[in-house]
Amino acid sequence: MAAIEATGLVKTFRSRKNTVKALDGIDLDVPEGSVLGLLGPNGAGKTTTVRILTTLMAPDEGTARVLGHDVVKEADLVRSLVGLSGQYTAVDELLTGRENLWMFGRLYRLSGQQAQQRAEELLEIFDLTEAADRILKTYSGGMRRRLDLAGSLIAHPRVLFLDEPTTGLDPRSRLDLWQIIRDRVSEGVTILLTTQYLEEADELADSIAVVDHGSVIARGTADELKAKVGGERIEVVVHDPEATYRALELLTSALDITDPEATTMDQHSRRITVPAPGGSSELVDVIRTLDGAGIRIADIGLRRPTLDDVFLTLTGHEAEQKEHV
């Protein structure tokens, strides 16, 4: 059973000055107990998609269901089944961590005792027990993020929407939050994760959907998407800048490369990149070819494509750092 289903979602925002089609026929299908990474540049429509799926906004066209329930016709029921952690923390700075979680519990219609018990459980899970009675003004960014995520889990949601949950966090806090997300998945929670960090989707997502200009332009596992940019490559840095052109000619011939666009060369950095469908075996051929021609190698390595490479290949531009739509 799909935990999240969306078909043909369309959303247009109109103002006196212009009209923006934020979503242009989004289709999604997320199996229960899995993580879907939703990737897209600035204005791609990731946040709009999340708002529709969590009943905060109605689509102009299309349908969406969460755990089999229509997000428009059964909005109250859907809200009782899902958790949401947005780009900006939804906590009250004038309350303590414990009071915030208790308040979230009451908003989810838990009894006072149930809300208190759940708050204590989450404070321990998210390593916030010692800071539980401090007001939020004294919390670091990472602590606020953990508390916000704890709040989204207050009612044991079966489906969790995380809209760029680690934005602005330091590396250590991001790693801590990644582990918390993995723990929730191990409990059977379905997660839709939007992120501006491509390595985050690579690390956490079972499958990935790339969104650009309101449409899904590619989907698959991280490995499947990486295969779209041509597999592994060999990067060589030659010692002498004057030997760069000669090295590229030799490698193009030795590796039987027929497509000139498959290779890159930067004389300033003395770096050459060539495709290596044969992997490490071709690395040996490159070393032998250049050594036989008397070209000294300053550095060499086998490079696997990253999701950043995929993003650039699919969209023609790099991922942006902020999401407005």
C-alpha atoms as a PDB file:
ATOM      1  CA  MET A   1       0.000   0.000   0.000  1.00  0.00           C
ATOM      2  CA  ALA A   2       1.230   3.487  -0.831  1.00  0.00           C
ATOM      3  CA  ALA A   3       1.354   5.744   2.211  1.00  0.00           C
ATOM      4  CA  ILE A   4       1.397   8.854   0.024  1.00  0.00           C
ATOM      5  CA  GLU A   5      -0.197   9.149  -3.420  1.00  0.00           C
ATOM      6  CA  ALA A   6      -0.405  12.294  -5.533  1.00  0.00           C
ATOM      7  CA  THR A   7      -1.717  12.517  -9.078  1.00  0.00           C
ATOM      8  CA  GLY A   8      -1.598  15.572 -11.317  1.00  0.00           C
ATOM      9  CA  LEU A   9      -1.187  18.180  -8.580  1.00  0.00           C
ATOM     10  CA  VAL A  10      -1.440  21.707  -9.971  1.00  0.00           C
ATOM     11  CA  LYS A  11      -1.142  24.924  -7.970  1.00  0.00           C
ATOM     12  CA  THR A  12      -1.005  28.451  -9.338  1.00  0.00           C
ATOM     13  CA  PHE A  13      -0.368  31.618  -7.351  1.00  0.00           C
ATOM     14  CA  ARG A  14      -1.730  34.857  -8.767  1.00  0.00           C
ATOM     15  CA  SER A  15      -1.038  38.453  -7.860  1.00  0.00           C
ATOM     16  CA  ARG A  16      -1.584  41.791  -9.536  1.00  0.00           C
ATOM     17  CA  LYS A  17       1.896  41.683 -11.034  1.00  0.00           C
ATOM     18  CA  ASN A  18       2.297  38.091 -12.168  1.00  0.00           C
ATOM     19  CA  THR A  19       1.090  34.501 -12.191  1.00  0.00           C
ATOM     20  CA  VAL A  20       3.303  31.654 -11.006  1.00  0.00           C
ATOM     21  CA  LYS A  21       2.497  27.994 -11.599  1.00  0.00           C
ATOM     22  CA  ALA A  22       4.181  26.422  -8.576  1.00  0.00           C
ATOM     23  CA  LEU A  23       3.055  22.875  -9.424  1.00  0.00           C
ATOM     24  CA  ASP A  24       2.449  21.641 -12.937  1.00  0.00           C
ATOM     25  CA  GLY A  25       1.165  18.080 -12.631  1.00  0.00           C
ATOM     26  CA  ILE A  26       3.144  16.527  -9.768  1.00  0.00           C
ATOM     27  CA  ASP A  27       2.804  12.738  -9.408  1.00  0.00           C
ATOM     28  CA  LEU A  28       4.180  10.934  -6.352  1.00  0.00           C
ATOM     29  CA  ASP A  29       3.927   7.430  -4.929  1.00  0.00           C
ATOM     30  CA  VAL A  30       5.589   6.606  -1.594  1.00  0.00           C
ATOM     31  CA  PRO A  31       5.342   3.018  -0.258  1.00  0.00           C
ATOM     32  CA  GLU A  32       4.692   2.528   3.442  1.00  0.00           C
ATOM     33  CA  GLY A  33       7.795   2.409   5.616  1.00  0.00           C
ATOM     34  CA  SER A  34      10.035   4.069   3.035  1.00  0.00           C
ATOM     35  CA  VAL A  35      11.725   7.463   2.620  1.00  0.00           C
ATOM     36  CA  LEU A  36      11.191   9.594  -0.480  1.00  0.00           C
ATOM     37  CA  GLY A  37      13.678  12.393  -1.018  1.00  0.00           C
ATOM     38  CA  LEU A  38      12.141  15.346  -2.860  1.00  0.00           C
ATOM     39  CA  LEU A  39      14.904  17.387  -4.499  1.00  0.00           C
ATOM     40  CA  GLY A  40      14.582  20.610  -6.411  1.00  0.00           C
ATOM     41  CA  PRO A  41      16.128  24.051  -6.842  1.00  0.00           C
ATOM     42  CA  ASN A  42      14.761  27.322  -5.550  1.00  0.00           C
ATOM     43  CA  GLY A  43      11.111  27.714  -6.557  1.00  0.00           C
ATOM     44  CA  ALA A  44      10.762  24.128  -7.793  1.00  0.00           C
ATOM     45  CA  GLY A  45       7.592  23.510  -5.778  1.00  0.00           C
ATOM     46  CA  LYS A  46       8.822  21.232  -2.988  1.00  0.00           C
ATOM     47  CA  THR A  47       7.303  23.199  -0.134  1.00  0.00           C
ATOM     48  CA  THR A  48       4.039  23.739  -2.002  1.00  0.00           C
ATOM     49  CA  THR A  49       3.796  19.967  -2.470  1.00  0.00           C
ATOM     50  CA  VAL A  50       4.311  19.395   1.255  1.00  0.00           C
ATOM     51  CA  ARG A  51       1.690  22.006   2.145  1.00  0.00           C
ATOM     52  CA  ILE A  52      -0.880  20.294  -0.052  1.00  0.00           C
ATOM     53  CA  LEU A  53      -0.080  16.804   1.255  1.00  0.00           C
ATOM     54  CA  THR A  54      -0.395  18.022   4.866  1.00  0.00           C
ATOM     55  CA  THR A  55      -3.762  19.770   4.196  1.00  0.00           C
ATOM     56  CA  LEU A  56      -2.370  23.280   4.684  1.00  0.00           C
ATOM     57  CA  MET A  57      -3.245  24.188   1.109  1.00  0.00           C
ATOM     58  CA  ALA A  58      -5.692  22.838  -1.467  1.00  0.00           C
ATOM     59  CA  PRO A  59      -4.558  22.003  -5.004  1.00  0.00           C
ATOM     60  CA  ASP A  60      -6.153  23.738  -7.974  1.00  0.00           C
ATOM     61  CA  GLU A  61      -6.191  20.411  -9.827  1.00  0.00           C
ATOM     62  CA  GLY A  62      -5.289  16.815  -9.081  1.00  0.00           C
ATOM     63  CA  THR A  63      -5.775  14.539  -6.102  1.00  0.00           C
ATOM     64  CA  ALA A  64      -3.688  13.391  -3.159  1.00  0.00           C
ATOM     65  CA  ARG A  65      -4.210  10.702  -0.554  1.00  0.00           C
ATOM     66  CA  VAL A  66      -2.310   9.921   2.639  1.00  0.00           C
ATOM     67  CA  LEU A  67      -2.811   6.415   4.042  1.00  0.00           C
ATOM     68  CA  GLY A  68      -5.772   6.107   1.692  1.00  0.00           C
ATOM     69  CA  HIS A  69      -7.496   9.315   2.818  1.00  0.00           C
ATOM     70  CA  ASP A  70      -8.141  12.297   0.555  1.00  0.00           C
ATOM     71  CA  VAL A  71      -6.203  15.353   1.783  1.00  0.00           C
ATOM     72  CA  VAL A  72      -9.045  17.716   0.799  1.00  0.00           C
ATOM     73  CA  LYS A  73     -12.190  15.743   1.593  1.00  0.00           C
ATOM     74  CA  GLU A  74     -10.796  14.115   4.757  1.00  0.00           C
ATOM     75  CA  ALA A  75      -8.439  16.855   5.908  1.00  0.00           C
ATOM     76  CA  ASP A  76      -9.168  16.491   9.641  1.00  0.00           C
ATOM     77  CA  LEU A  77      -8.469  12.764   9.564  1.00  0.00           C
ATOM     78  CA  VAL A  78      -5.263  13.219   7.551  1.00  0.00           C
ATOM     79  CA  ARG A  79      -3.998  15.819  10.036  1.00  0.00           C
ATOM     80  CA  SER A  80      -4.475  13.319  12.862  1.00  0.00           C
ATOM     81  CA  LEU A  81      -2.299  10.762  11.059  1.00  0.00           C
ATOM     82  CA  VAL A  82       0.684  12.851   9.969  1.00  0.00           C
ATOM     83  CA  GLY A  83       3.488  14.882  11.489  1.00  0.00           C
ATOM     84  CA  LEU A  84       5.136  17.932   9.934  1.00  0.00           C
ATOM     85  CA  SER A  85       8.457  19.625  10.597  1.00  0.00           C
ATOM     86  CA  GLY A  86       8.835  22.683   8.381  1.00  0.00           C
ATOM     87  CA  GLN A  87      11.728  24.824   7.233  1.00  0.00           C
ATOM     88  CA  TYR A  88      11.276  27.115  10.217  1.00  0.00           C
ATOM     89  CA  THR A  89      10.816  25.848  13.749  1.00  0.00           C
ATOM     90  CA  ALA A  90       7.243  26.082  15.018  1.00  0.00           C
ATOM     91  CA  VAL A  91       8.126  26.278  18.686  1.00  0.00           C
ATOM     92  CA  ASP A  92       7.233  29.041  21.165  1.00  0.00           C
ATOM     93  CA  GLU A  93      10.354  30.842  22.390  1.00  0.00           C
ATOM     94  CA  LEU A  94       8.666  31.967  25.597  1.00  0.00           C
ATOM     95  CA  LEU A  95       7.913  28.416  26.731  1.00  0.00           C
ATOM     96  CA  THR A  96      10.270  25.720  27.963  1.00  0.00           C
ATOM     97  CA  GLY A  97      11.023  22.636  25.916  1.00  0.00           C
ATOM     98  CA  ARG A  98       8.746  20.527  28.112  1.00  0.00           C
ATOM     99  CA  GLU A  99       5.922  23.079  27.883  1.00  0.00           C
ATOM    100  CA  ASN A 100       6.216  23.223  24.097  1.00  0.00           C
ATOM    101  CA  LEU A 101       5.856  19.466  23.748  1.00  0.00           C
ATOM    102  CA  TRP A 102       2.962  19.367  26.212  1.00  0.00           C
ATOM    103  CA  MET A 103       1.242  22.089  24.175  1.00  0.00           C
ATOM    104  CA  PHE A 104       1.769  20.105  20.941  1.00  0.00           C
ATOM    105  CA  GLY A 105       0.208  17.085  22.619  1.00  0.00           C
ATOM    106  CA  ARG A 106      -2.862  19.033  23.674  1.00  0.00           C
ATOM    107  CA  LEU A 107      -3.222  20.457  20.148  1.00  0.00           C
ATOM    108  CA  TYR A 108      -3.312  16.841  18.939  1.00  0.00           C
ATOM    109  CA  ARG A 109      -6.133  16.290  21.458  1.00  0.00           C
ATOM    110  CA  LEU A 110      -4.164  14.129  23.845  1.00  0.00           C
ATOM    111  CA  SER A 111      -5.270  14.300  27.467  1.00  0.00           C
ATOM    112  CA  GLY A 112      -3.112  16.337  29.820  1.00  0.00           C
ATOM    113  CA  GLN A 113      -1.585  13.177  31.283  1.00  0.00           C
ATOM    114  CA  GLN A 114      -0.975  11.633  27.849  1.00  0.00           C
ATOM    115  CA  ALA A 115       0.641  14.839  26.591  1.00  0.00           C
ATOM    116  CA  GLN A 116       2.916  14.964  29.631  1.00  0.00           C
ATOM    117  CA  GLN A 117       3.953  11.324  29.289  1.00  0.00           C
ATOM    118  CA  ARG A 118       4.654  11.693  25.570  1.00  0.00           C
ATOM    119  CA  ALA A 119       6.648  14.879  26.187  1.00  0.00           C
ATOM    120  CA  GLU A 120       8.904  13.063  28.653  1.00  0.00           C
ATOM    121  CA  GLU A 121       9.462  10.205  26.199  1.00  0.00           C
ATOM    122  CA  LEU A 122      10.433  12.559  23.381  1.00  0.00           C
ATOM    123  CA  LEU A 123      12.685  14.700  25.547  1.00  0.00           C
ATOM    124  CA  GLU A 124      14.690  11.564  26.315  1.00  0.00           C
ATOM    125  CA  ILE A 125      14.711  10.313  22.700  1.00  0.00           C
ATOM    126  CA  PHE A 126      15.966  13.664  21.417  1.00  0.00           C
ATOM    127  CA  ASP A 127      18.508  14.130  24.228  1.00  0.00           C
ATOM    128  CA  LEU A 128      16.777  17.235  25.588  1.00  0.00           C
ATOM    129  CA  THR A 129      15.992  16.098  29.122  1.00  0.00           C
ATOM    130  CA  GLU A 130      18.616  18.323  30.769  1.00  0.00           C
ATOM    131  CA  ALA A 131      17.335  21.365  28.841  1.00  0.00           C
ATOM    132  CA  ALA A 132      13.647  20.503  29.294  1.00  0.00           C
ATOM    133  CA  ASP A 133      12.912  23.325  31.750  1.00  0.00           C
ATOM    134  CA  ARG A 134      14.866  26.028  29.941  1.00  0.00           C
ATOM    135  CA  ILE A 135      12.965  28.527  27.795  1.00  0.00           C
ATOM    136  CA  LEU A 136      13.513  28.211  24.056  1.00  0.00           C
ATOM    137  CA  LYS A 137      15.413  31.513  23.847  1.00  0.00           C
ATOM    138  CA  THR A 138      18.378  29.728  25.413  1.00  0.00           C
ATOM    139  CA  TYR A 139      18.368  26.807  22.941  1.00  0.00           C
ATOM    140  CA  SER A 140      20.886  26.474  20.130  1.00  0.00           C
ATOM    141  CA  GLY A 141      19.725  26.064  16.531  1.00  0.00           C
ATOM    142  CA  GLY A 142      20.316  22.329  16.667  1.00  0.00           C
ATOM    143  CA  MET A 143      18.340  21.971  19.904  1.00  0.00           C
ATOM    144  CA  ARG A 144      15.418  23.920  18.450  1.00  0.00           C
ATOM    145  CA  ARG A 145      15.432  21.694  15.377  1.00  0.00           C
ATOM    146  CA  ARG A 146      15.371  18.560  17.542  1.00  0.00           C
ATOM    147  CA  LEU A 147      12.514  19.947  19.614  1.00  0.00           C
ATOM    148  CA  ASP A 148      10.554  20.871  16.491  1.00  0.00           C
ATOM    149  CA  LEU A 149      11.013  17.350  15.117  1.00  0.00           C
ATOM    150  CA  ALA A 150       9.993  15.927  18.503  1.00  0.00           C
ATOM    151  CA  GLY A 151       6.826  17.997  18.316  1.00  0.00           C
ATOM    152  CA  SER A 152       5.973  16.516  14.925  1.00  0.00           C
ATOM    153  CA  LEU A 153       6.137  13.029  16.490  1.00  0.00           C
ATOM    154  CA  ILE A 154       3.999  13.787  19.521  1.00  0.00           C
ATOM    155  CA  ALA A 155       0.975  11.816  18.277  1.00  0.00           C
ATOM    156  CA  HIS A 156       2.885   8.789  16.920  1.00  0.00           C
ATOM    157  CA  PRO A 157       2.318   9.734  13.251  1.00  0.00           C
ATOM    158  CA  ARG A 158       2.518   6.974  10.660  1.00  0.00           C
ATOM    159  CA  VAL A 159       3.609   9.469   8.010  1.00  0.00           C
ATOM    160  CA  LEU A 160       6.129  12.240   8.619  1.00  0.00           C
ATOM    161  CA  PHE A 161       6.814  15.232   6.362  1.00  0.00           C
ATOM    162  CA  LEU A 162      10.205  16.854   6.847  1.00  0.00           C
ATOM    163  CA  ASP A 163      10.636  20.085   4.891  1.00  0.00           C
ATOM    164  CA  GLU A 164      14.378  20.831   4.866  1.00  0.00           C
ATOM    165  CA  PRO A 165      14.776  19.730   8.506  1.00  0.00           C
ATOM    166  CA  THR A 166      18.540  20.306   8.750  1.00  0.00           C
ATOM    167  CA  THR A 167      18.787  23.721   7.082  1.00  0.00           C
ATOM    168  CA  GLY A 168      21.217  25.937   8.969  1.00  0.00           C
ATOM    169  CA  LEU A 169      22.529  23.208  11.263  1.00  0.00           C
ATOM    170  CA  ASP A 170      26.208  22.570  11.924  1.00  0.00           C
ATOM    171  CA  PRO A 171      27.637  19.255  10.631  1.00  0.00           C
ATOM    172  CA  ARG A 172      27.426  17.515  14.007  1.00  0.00           C
ATOM    173  CA  SER A 173      23.794  18.498  14.548  1.00  0.00           C
ATOM    174  CA  ARG A 174      22.923  17.349  11.045  1.00  0.00           C
ATOM    175  CA  LEU A 175      24.447  13.925  11.687  1.00  0.00           C
ATOM    176  CA  ASP A 176      22.534  13.652  14.964  1.00  0.00           C
ATOM    177  CA  LEU A 177      19.271  14.490  13.220  1.00  0.00           C
ATOM    178  CA  TRP A 178      20.015  11.985  10.449  1.00  0.00           C
ATOM    179  CA  GLN A 179      20.269   9.238  13.050  1.00  0.00           C
ATOM    180  CA  ILE A 180      16.977  10.272  14.620  1.00  0.00           C
ATOM    181  CA  ILE A 181      15.331  10.080  11.196  1.00  0.00           C
ATOM    182  CA  ARG A 182      16.816   6.608  10.604  1.00  0.00           C
ATOM    183  CA  ASP A 183      15.441   5.480  13.964  1.00  0.00           C
ATOM    184  CA  ARG A 184      11.934   6.611  12.999  1.00  0.00           C
ATOM    185  CA  VAL A 185      12.162   4.729   9.699  1.00  0.00           C
ATOM    186  CA  SER A 186      13.225   1.578  11.563  1.00  0.00           C
ATOM    187  CA  GLU A 187       9.952   1.890  13.504  1.00  0.00           C
ATOM    188  CA  GLY A 188       7.979   1.761  10.253  1.00  0.00           C
ATOM    189  CA  VAL A 189       7.296   5.483   9.792  1.00  0.00           C
ATOM    190  CA  THR A 190       6.937   6.676   6.190  1.00  0.00           C
ATOM    191  CA  ILE A 191       8.862   9.878   5.481  1.00  0.00           C
ATOM    192  CA  LEU A 192       8.750  12.453   2.712  1.00  0.00           C
ATOM    193  CA  LEU A 193      11.926  14.513   2.986  1.00  0.00           C
ATOM    194  CA  THR A 194      12.646  17.714   1.096  1.00  0.00           C
ATOM    195  CA  THR A 195      16.198  18.922   1.312  1.00  0.00           C
ATOM    196  CA  GLN A 196      18.646  21.351  -0.220  1.00  0.00           C
ATOM    197  CA  TYR A 197      21.535  19.051   0.720  1.00  0.00           C
ATOM    198  CA  LEU A 198      21.893  16.471  -2.001  1.00  0.00           C
ATOM    199  CA  GLU A 199      24.096  14.208   0.080  1.00  0.00           C
ATOM    200  CA  GLU A 200      21.282  14.132   2.643  1.00  0.00           C
ATOM    201  CA  ALA A 201      18.921  12.501   0.169  1.00  0.00           C
ATOM    202  CA  ASP A 202      21.717  10.150  -0.871  1.00  0.00           C
ATOM    203  CA  GLU A 203      22.190   9.162   2.766  1.00  0.00           C
ATOM    204  CA  LEU A 204      18.564   8.835   3.890  1.00  0.00           C
ATOM    205  CA  ALA A 205      16.221   8.251   0.948  1.00  0.00           C
ATOM    206  CA  ASP A 206      15.138   4.897  -0.487  1.00  0.00           C
ATOM    207  CA  SER A 207      14.046   6.686  -3.642  1.00  0.00           C
ATOM    208  CA  ILE A 208      14.388  10.220  -4.972  1.00  0.00           C
ATOM    209  CA  ALA A 209      12.167  12.466  -7.086  1.00  0.00           C
ATOM    210  CA  VAL A 210      13.806  15.474  -8.735  1.00  0.00           C
ATOM    211  CA  VAL A 211      11.440  18.423  -9.172  1.00  0.00           C
ATOM    212  CA  ASP A 212      12.029  21.443 -11.396  1.00  0.00           C
ATOM    213  CA  HIS A 213       9.546  24.126 -12.460  1.00  0.00           C
ATOM    214  CA  GLY A 214       6.712  22.296 -10.719  1.00  0.00           C
ATOM    215  CA  SER A 215       7.170  18.929 -12.417  1.00  0.00           C
ATOM    216  CA  VAL A 216       8.937  15.680 -11.553  1.00  0.00           C
ATOM    217  CA  ILE A 217      11.726  15.407 -14.141  1.00  0.00           C
ATOM    218  CA  ALA A 218      13.403  12.256 -12.835  1.00  0.00           C
ATOM    219  CA  ARG A 219      12.942   9.598 -10.198  1.00  0.00           C
ATOM    220  CA  GLY A 220      14.748   6.515  -8.972  1.00  0.00           C
ATOM    221  CA  THR A 221      17.266   5.403  -6.390  1.00  0.00           C
ATOM    222  CA  ALA A 222      20.418   7.434  -5.832  1.00  0.00           C
ATOM    223  CA  ASP A 223      22.433   4.910  -7.854  1.00  0.00           C
ATOM    224  CA  GLU A 224      19.928   4.953 -10.712  1.00  0.00           C
ATOM    225  CA  LEU A 225      20.027   8.732 -10.912  1.00  0.00           C
ATOM    226  CA  LYS A 226      23.811   8.799 -10.747  1.00  0.00           C
ATOM    227  CA  ALA A 227      23.928   6.405 -13.688  1.00  0.00           C
ATOM    228  CA  LYS A 228      22.281   9.118 -15.786  1.00  0.00           C
ATOM    229  CA  VAL A 229      25.499  11.147 -15.812  1.00  0.00           C
ATOM    230  CA  GLY A 230      27.553   8.351 -17.340  1.00  0.00           C
ATOM    231  CA  GLY A 231      28.942   6.293 -14.473  1.00  0.00           C
ATOM    232  CA  GLU A 232      32.448   6.505 -13.075  1.00  0.00           C
ATOM    233  CA  ARG A 233      35.148   8.865 -14.280  1.00  0.00           C
ATOM    234  CA  ILE A 234      38.886   9.158 -13.899  1.00  0.00           C
ATOM    235  CA  GLU A 235      40.343  12.485 -12.839  1.00  0.00           C
ATOM    236  CA  VAL A 236      44.000  13.118 -13.592  1.00  0.00           C
ATOM    237  CA  VAL A 237      46.095  16.099 -12.584  1.00  0.00           C
ATOM    238  CA  VAL A 238      49.311  16.272 -14.614  1.00  0.00           C
ATOM    239  CA  HIS A 239      52.470  17.832 -13.222  1.00  0.00           C
ATOM    240  CA  ASP A 240      53.253  20.096 -16.180  1.00  0.00           C
ATOM    241  CA  PRO A 241      50.495  22.472 -17.463  1.00  0.00           C
ATOM    242  CA  GLU A 242      52.021  22.320 -20.960  1.00  0.00           C
ATOM    243  CA  ALA A 243      51.390  18.569 -21.060  1.00  0.00           C
ATOM    244  CA  THR A 244      47.657  18.854 -20.458  1.00  0.00           C
ATOM    245  CA  TYR A 245      46.560  18.887 -24.106  1.00  0.00           C
ATOM    246  CA  ARG A 246      48.924  16.037 -24.992  1.00  0.00           C
ATOM    247  CA  ALA A 247      47.673  13.952 -22.068  1.00  0.00           C
ATOM    248  CA  LEU A 248      44.052  14.439 -23.141  1.00  0.00           C
ATOM    249  CA  GLU A 249      44.869  13.347 -26.707  1.00  0.00           C
ATOM    250  CA  LEU A 250      46.652  10.233 -25.499  1.00  0.00           C
ATOM    251  CA  LEU A 251      43.844   9.208 -23.129  1.00  0.00           C
ATOM    252  CA  THR A 252      41.122   9.861 -25.717  1.00  0.00           C
ATOM    253  CA  SER A 253      42.921   7.525 -28.095  1.00  0.00           C
ATOM    254  CA  ALA A 254      43.948   4.882 -25.539  1.00  0.00           C
ATOM    255  CA  LEU A 255      40.444   4.626 -24.026  1.00  0.00           C
ATOM    256  CA  ASP A 256      38.731   4.811 -27.426  1.00  0.00           C
ATOM    257  CA  ILE A 257      36.593   7.804 -26.454  1.00  0.00           C
ATOM    258  CA  THR A 258      34.483   8.849 -29.442  1.00  0.00           C
ATOM    259  CA  ASP A 259      32.409  11.594 -27.786  1.00  0.00           C
ATOM    260  CA  PRO A 260      34.565  14.696 -27.102  1.00  0.00           C
ATOM    261  CA  GLU A 261      31.902  16.080 -24.755  1.00  0.00           C
ATOM    262  CA  ALA A 262      32.497  13.102 -22.455  1.00  0.00           C
ATOM    263  CA  THR A 263      35.891  14.558 -21.484  1.00  0.00           C
ATOM    264  CA  THR A 264      36.818  17.785 -19.722  1.00  0.00           C
ATOM    265  CA  MET A 265      40.120  19.616 -19.396  1.00  0.00           C
ATOM    266  CA  ASP A 266      41.205  22.597 -17.311  1.00  0.00           C
ATOM    267  CA  GLN A 267      44.714  23.725 -18.174  1.00  0.00           C
ATOM    268  CA  HIS A 268      44.886  26.128 -15.233  1.00  0.00           C
ATOM    269  CA  SER A 269      44.326  23.348 -12.686  1.00  0.00           C
ATOM    270  CA  ARG A 270      46.040  20.779 -14.988  1.00  0.00           C
ATOM    271  CA  ARG A 271      43.002  18.531 -14.489  1.00  0.00           C
ATOM    272  CA  ILE A 272      41.605  16.078 -17.045  1.00  0.00           C
ATOM    273  CA  THR A 273      38.424  14.038 -16.610  1.00  0.00           C
ATOM    274  CA  VAL A 274      37.610  11.041 -18.801  1.00  0.00           C
ATOM    275  CA  PRO A 275      34.824   8.429 -18.616  1.00  0.00           C
ATOM    276  CA  ALA A 276      35.746   5.085 -17.070  1.00  0.00           C
ATOM    277  CA  PRO A 277      32.988   2.536 -17.758  1.00  0.00           C
ATOM    278  CA  GLY A 278      35.489  -0.185 -16.877  1.00  0.00           C
ATOM    279  CA  GLY A 279      36.117   1.292 -13.445  1.00  0.00           C
ATOM    280  CA  SER A 280      39.414   0.621 -11.690  1.00  0.00           C
ATOM    281  CA  SER A 281      40.787  -1.501 -14.547  1.00  0.00           C
ATOM    282  CA  GLU A 282      40.909   1.589 -16.743  1.00  0.00           C
ATOM    283  CA  LEU A 283      42.700   3.487 -14.009  1.00  0.00           C
ATOM    284  CA  VAL A 284      45.696   1.194 -14.588  1.00  0.00           C
ATOM    285  CA  ASP A 285      45.516   1.856 -18.357  1.00  0.00           C
ATOM    286  CA  VAL A 286      45.583   5.616 -17.789  1.00  0.00           C
ATOM    287  CA  ILE A 287      48.656   5.394 -15.582  1.00  0.00           C
ATOM    288  CA  ARG A 288      50.488   3.192 -18.075  1.00  0.00           C
ATOM    289  CA  THR A 289      49.592   5.428 -21.029  1.00  0.00           C
ATOM    290  CA  LEU A 290      50.792   8.636 -19.422  1.00  0.00           C
ATOM    291  CA  ASP A 291      53.884   7.025 -17.920  1.00  0.00           C
ATOM    292  CA  GLY A 292      54.817   5.587 -21.319  1.00  0.00           C
ATOM    293  CA  ALA A 293      54.618   9.075 -22.843  1.00  0.00           C
ATOM    294  CA  GLY A 294      56.776  10.558 -20.090  1.00  0.00           C
ATOM    295  CA  ILE A 295      53.925  12.647 -18.641  1.00  0.00           C
ATOM    296  CA  ARG A 296      54.209  12.943 -14.869  1.00  0.00           C
ATOM    297  CA  ILE A 297      51.042  12.563 -12.808  1.00  0.00           C
ATOM    298  CA  ALA A 298      50.529  14.849  -9.819  1.00  0.00           C
ATOM    299  CA  ASP A 299      47.271  13.219  -8.732  1.00  0.00           C
ATOM    300  CA  ILE A 300      44.848  10.612 -10.046  1.00  0.00           C
ATOM    301  CA  GLY A 301      41.651   9.005  -8.808  1.00  0.00           C
ATOM    302  CA  LEU A 302      38.449   7.197  -9.707  1.00  0.00           C
ATOM    303  CA  ARG A 303      35.475   9.461  -9.120  1.00  0.00           C
ATOM    304  CA  ARG A 304      31.900   8.300  -8.786  1.00  0.00           C
ATOM    305  CA  PRO A 305      29.199  10.811  -9.780  1.00  0.00           C
ATOM    306  CA  THR A 306      27.443  12.594  -6.946  1.00  0.00           C
ATOM    307  CA  LEU A 307      23.852  13.736  -6.775  1.00  0.00           C
ATOM    308  CA  ASP A 308      25.185  17.243  -7.390  1.00  0.00           C
ATOM    309  CA  ASP A 309      26.363  16.010 -10.784  1.00  0.00           C
ATOM    310  CA  VAL A 310      22.933  14.504 -11.403  1.00  0.00           C
ATOM    311  CA  PHE A 311      21.215  17.731 -10.444  1.00  0.00           C
ATOM    312  CA  LEU A 312      23.306  19.774 -12.840  1.00  0.00           C
ATOM    313  CA  THR A 313      22.808  17.255 -15.649  1.00  0.00           C
ATOM    314  CA  LEU A 314      19.032  17.071 -15.232  1.00  0.00           C
ATOM    315  CA  THR A 315      18.195  20.719 -14.539  1.00  0.00           C
ATOM    316  CA  GLY A 316      21.027  22.594 -16.222  1.00  0.00           C
ATOM    317  CA  HIS A 317      21.729  24.469 -13.020  1.00  0.00           C
ATOM    318  CA  GLU A 318      22.921  23.774  -9.502  1.00  0.00           C
ATOM    319  CA  ALA A 319      20.698  23.390  -6.479  1.00  0.00           C
ATOM    320  CA  GLU A 320      19.883  26.685  -4.812  1.00  0.00           C
ATOM    321  CA  GLN A 321      20.239  27.301  -1.119  1.00  0.00           C
ATOM    322  CA  LYS A 322      16.720  28.550  -0.333  1.00  0.00           C
ATOM    323  CA  GLU A 323      13.194  27.451  -1.118  1.00  0.00           C
ATOM    324  CA  HIS A 324      10.447  30.050  -1.502  1.00  0.00           C
ATOM    325  CA  VAL A 325       7.680  28.163  -3.283  1.00  0.00           C
END
